[in-house]
Amino acid sequence: MSNRPLGVTVLSLLQLLGALALFSIGALAMIVVLLAPTLYLLLLAAIPLTLGIIGFILFYGLWKLKSWAWIWTIVVNLLTIITSLTDISANIISIAISLIIVIYLFSPGIKSHFR
């Protein structure tokens, strides 16, 4: 049995869902870029795809309560919120999930669970 609090388990699963959403948007955007390749569109498609891949890594770190996962999850989710607000492939679900994750990680006592 794990010492992982229920909230961190939920947070991990939200991170996984957010990563899946971003990865899916990025993958679909990459398909569109193949139809009309430009450097600008390629960069716009690469942002959510890259953040999705990083999100999968963060899911693992959160699930295993790794110390690096706490700070990097905050950083990546803040970047996700910012880029999703300015990106043409913005996804309201990933923005909401990222916001919930950041707020929860700053809740009192949560950081102490990460070793």
C-alpha atoms as a PDB file:
ATOM      1  CA  MET A   1       0.000   0.000   0.000  1.00  0.00           C
ATOM      2  CA  SER A   2       1.232   3.494  -0.840  1.00  0.00           C
ATOM      3  CA  ASN A   3       1.500   6.499   1.458  1.00  0.00           C
ATOM      4  CA  ARG A   4       0.129   8.570  -1.404  1.00  0.00           C
ATOM      5  CA  PRO A   5      -2.768  10.760  -0.250  1.00  0.00           C
ATOM      6  CA  LEU A   6      -6.026  10.432  -2.158  1.00  0.00           C
ATOM      7  CA  GLY A   7      -5.643  14.016  -3.389  1.00  0.00           C
ATOM      8  CA  VAL A   8      -2.247  13.268  -4.932  1.00  0.00           C
ATOM      9  CA  THR A   9      -3.690  10.158  -6.584  1.00  0.00           C
ATOM     10  CA  VAL A  10      -6.473  12.270  -8.081  1.00  0.00           C
ATOM     11  CA  LEU A  11      -3.923  14.918  -9.042  1.00  0.00           C
ATOM     12  CA  SER A  12      -1.800  12.287 -10.794  1.00  0.00           C
ATOM     13  CA  LEU A  13      -4.792  11.085 -12.766  1.00  0.00           C
ATOM     14  CA  LEU A  14      -5.724  14.680 -13.672  1.00  0.00           C
ATOM     15  CA  GLN A  15      -2.149  15.176 -14.886  1.00  0.00           C
ATOM     16  CA  LEU A  16      -2.549  12.072 -17.020  1.00  0.00           C
ATOM     17  CA  LEU A  17      -5.841  13.361 -18.468  1.00  0.00           C
ATOM     18  CA  GLY A  18      -4.302  16.763 -19.167  1.00  0.00           C
ATOM     19  CA  ALA A  19      -1.333  15.114 -20.861  1.00  0.00           C
ATOM     20  CA  LEU A  20      -3.646  12.993 -22.992  1.00  0.00           C
ATOM     21  CA  ALA A  21      -5.645  16.086 -24.015  1.00  0.00           C
ATOM     22  CA  LEU A  22      -2.547  18.085 -24.939  1.00  0.00           C
ATOM     23  CA  PHE A  23      -0.909  15.162 -26.719  1.00  0.00           C
ATOM     24  CA  SER A  24      -4.082  14.533 -28.736  1.00  0.00           C
ATOM     25  CA  ILE A  25      -4.384  18.181 -29.751  1.00  0.00           C
ATOM     26  CA  GLY A  26      -0.716  18.287 -30.694  1.00  0.00           C
ATOM     27  CA  ALA A  27      -0.963  15.069 -32.692  1.00  0.00           C
ATOM     28  CA  LEU A  28      -4.028  16.316 -34.579  1.00  0.00           C
ATOM     29  CA  ALA A  29      -2.310  19.646 -35.214  1.00  0.00           C
ATOM     30  CA  MET A  30       0.726  17.789 -36.587  1.00  0.00           C
ATOM     31  CA  ILE A  31      -1.538  15.961 -39.040  1.00  0.00           C
ATOM     32  CA  VAL A  32      -2.932  19.307 -40.197  1.00  0.00           C
ATOM     33  CA  VAL A  33       0.614  20.670 -40.549  1.00  0.00           C
ATOM     34  CA  LEU A  34       1.440  17.774 -42.871  1.00  0.00           C
ATOM     35  CA  LEU A  35      -1.309  19.020 -45.191  1.00  0.00           C
ATOM     36  CA  ALA A  36      -0.020  22.620 -45.209  1.00  0.00           C
ATOM     37  CA  PRO A  37       3.515  22.649 -43.819  1.00  0.00           C
ATOM     38  CA  THR A  38       4.819  25.970 -42.548  1.00  0.00           C
ATOM     39  CA  LEU A  39       7.324  26.611 -39.797  1.00  0.00           C
ATOM     40  CA  TYR A  40       4.801  28.688 -37.839  1.00  0.00           C
ATOM     41  CA  LEU A  41       2.182  25.917 -37.856  1.00  0.00           C
ATOM     42  CA  LEU A  42       4.812  23.328 -37.009  1.00  0.00           C
ATOM     43  CA  LEU A  43       5.858  25.297 -33.932  1.00  0.00           C
ATOM     44  CA  LEU A  44       2.232  25.800 -32.858  1.00  0.00           C
ATOM     45  CA  ALA A  45       1.584  22.070 -33.177  1.00  0.00           C
ATOM     46  CA  ALA A  46       4.786  21.157 -31.349  1.00  0.00           C
ATOM     47  CA  ILE A  47       3.893  23.122 -28.204  1.00  0.00           C
ATOM     48  CA  PRO A  48       0.908  21.032 -27.020  1.00  0.00           C
ATOM     49  CA  LEU A  49       2.527  17.823 -28.268  1.00  0.00           C
ATOM     50  CA  THR A  50       5.683  18.502 -26.246  1.00  0.00           C
ATOM     51  CA  LEU A  51       3.737  19.569 -23.153  1.00  0.00           C
ATOM     52  CA  GLY A  52       1.674  16.377 -23.451  1.00  0.00           C
ATOM     53  CA  ILE A  53       4.796  14.205 -23.489  1.00  0.00           C
ATOM     54  CA  ILE A  54       6.200  16.090 -20.498  1.00  0.00           C
ATOM     55  CA  GLY A  55       2.828  15.656 -18.793  1.00  0.00           C
ATOM     56  CA  PHE A  56       3.184  11.870 -19.074  1.00  0.00           C
ATOM     57  CA  ILE A  57       6.580  12.079 -17.351  1.00  0.00           C
ATOM     58  CA  LEU A  58       5.094  14.257 -14.612  1.00  0.00           C
ATOM     59  CA  PHE A  59       2.246  11.769 -14.132  1.00  0.00           C
ATOM     60  CA  TYR A  60       4.839   9.117 -13.339  1.00  0.00           C
ATOM     61  CA  GLY A  61       6.688  11.406 -10.910  1.00  0.00           C
ATOM     62  CA  LEU A  62       3.483  12.392  -9.119  1.00  0.00           C
ATOM     63  CA  TRP A  63       2.293   8.802  -8.925  1.00  0.00           C
ATOM     64  CA  LYS A  64       5.613   7.744  -7.373  1.00  0.00           C
ATOM     65  CA  LEU A  65       5.801  10.884  -5.148  1.00  0.00           C
ATOM     66  CA  LYS A  66       9.165  11.932  -6.601  1.00  0.00           C
ATOM     67  CA  SER A  67      10.543  15.195  -5.203  1.00  0.00           C
ATOM     68  CA  TRP A  68      11.263  16.654  -8.646  1.00  0.00           C
ATOM     69  CA  ALA A  69       7.655  16.116  -9.687  1.00  0.00           C
ATOM     70  CA  TRP A  70       6.239  18.750  -7.317  1.00  0.00           C
ATOM     71  CA  ILE A  71       8.089  21.784  -8.729  1.00  0.00           C
ATOM     72  CA  TRP A  72       8.154  20.601 -12.334  1.00  0.00           C
ATOM     73  CA  THR A  73       4.432  19.903 -12.267  1.00  0.00           C
ATOM     74  CA  ILE A  74       3.811  23.469 -11.157  1.00  0.00           C
ATOM     75  CA  VAL A  75       6.145  24.907 -13.814  1.00  0.00           C
ATOM     76  CA  VAL A  76       4.767  22.814 -16.670  1.00  0.00           C
ATOM     77  CA  ASN A  77       1.136  23.380 -15.724  1.00  0.00           C
ATOM     78  CA  LEU A  78       1.673  27.152 -15.531  1.00  0.00           C
ATOM     79  CA  LEU A  79       3.300  27.004 -18.973  1.00  0.00           C
ATOM     80  CA  THR A  80       0.380  24.910 -20.201  1.00  0.00           C
ATOM     81  CA  ILE A  81      -2.090  27.511 -18.979  1.00  0.00           C
ATOM     82  CA  ILE A  82      -0.153  30.348 -20.615  1.00  0.00           C
ATOM     83  CA  THR A  83       0.384  28.603 -23.948  1.00  0.00           C
ATOM     84  CA  SER A  84      -3.176  27.293 -24.062  1.00  0.00           C
ATOM     85  CA  LEU A  85      -4.484  30.832 -23.652  1.00  0.00           C
ATOM     86  CA  THR A  86      -2.352  32.119 -26.537  1.00  0.00           C
ATOM     87  CA  ASP A  87      -2.328  29.070 -28.829  1.00  0.00           C
ATOM     88  CA  ILE A  88      -4.813  28.525 -31.645  1.00  0.00           C
ATOM     89  CA  SER A  89      -5.237  24.955 -30.447  1.00  0.00           C
ATOM     90  CA  ALA A  90      -6.308  26.132 -26.969  1.00  0.00           C
ATOM     91  CA  ASN A  91      -8.185  23.518 -24.999  1.00  0.00           C
ATOM     92  CA  ILE A  92     -10.428  24.599 -22.131  1.00  0.00           C
ATOM     93  CA  ILE A  93     -10.201  21.142 -20.526  1.00  0.00           C
ATOM     94  CA  SER A  94      -6.405  21.220 -20.293  1.00  0.00           C
ATOM     95  CA  ILE A  95      -6.517  24.779 -18.929  1.00  0.00           C
ATOM     96  CA  ALA A  96      -8.982  23.773 -16.198  1.00  0.00           C
ATOM     97  CA  ILE A  97      -7.036  20.641 -15.281  1.00  0.00           C
ATOM     98  CA  SER A  98      -3.741  22.546 -15.121  1.00  0.00           C
ATOM     99  CA  LEU A  99      -5.295  25.220 -12.928  1.00  0.00           C
ATOM    100  CA  ILE A 100      -6.693  22.625 -10.506  1.00  0.00           C
ATOM    101  CA  ILE A 101      -3.317  20.883 -10.313  1.00  0.00           C
ATOM    102  CA  VAL A 102      -1.406  24.101  -9.531  1.00  0.00           C
ATOM    103  CA  ILE A 103      -3.904  25.184  -6.870  1.00  0.00           C
ATOM    104  CA  TYR A 104      -3.809  21.766  -5.200  1.00  0.00           C
ATOM    105  CA  LEU A 105      -0.012  21.567  -5.159  1.00  0.00           C
ATOM    106  CA  PHE A 106       0.109  24.846  -3.246  1.00  0.00           C
ATOM    107  CA  SER A 107      -2.337  23.523  -0.629  1.00  0.00           C
ATOM    108  CA  PRO A 108      -0.861  23.338   2.892  1.00  0.00           C
ATOM    109  CA  GLY A 109       1.048  20.131   3.631  1.00  0.00           C
ATOM    110  CA  ILE A 110       1.031  18.695   0.110  1.00  0.00           C
ATOM    111  CA  LYS A 111       4.721  19.290  -0.631  1.00  0.00           C
ATOM    112  CA  SER A 112       5.728  17.210   2.422  1.00  0.00           C
ATOM    113  CA  HIS A 113       4.449  14.028   0.723  1.00  0.00           C
ATOM    114  CA  PHE A 114       7.008  14.292  -2.065  1.00  0.00           C
ATOM    115  CA  ARG A 115      10.360  12.695  -1.185  1.00  0.00           C
END
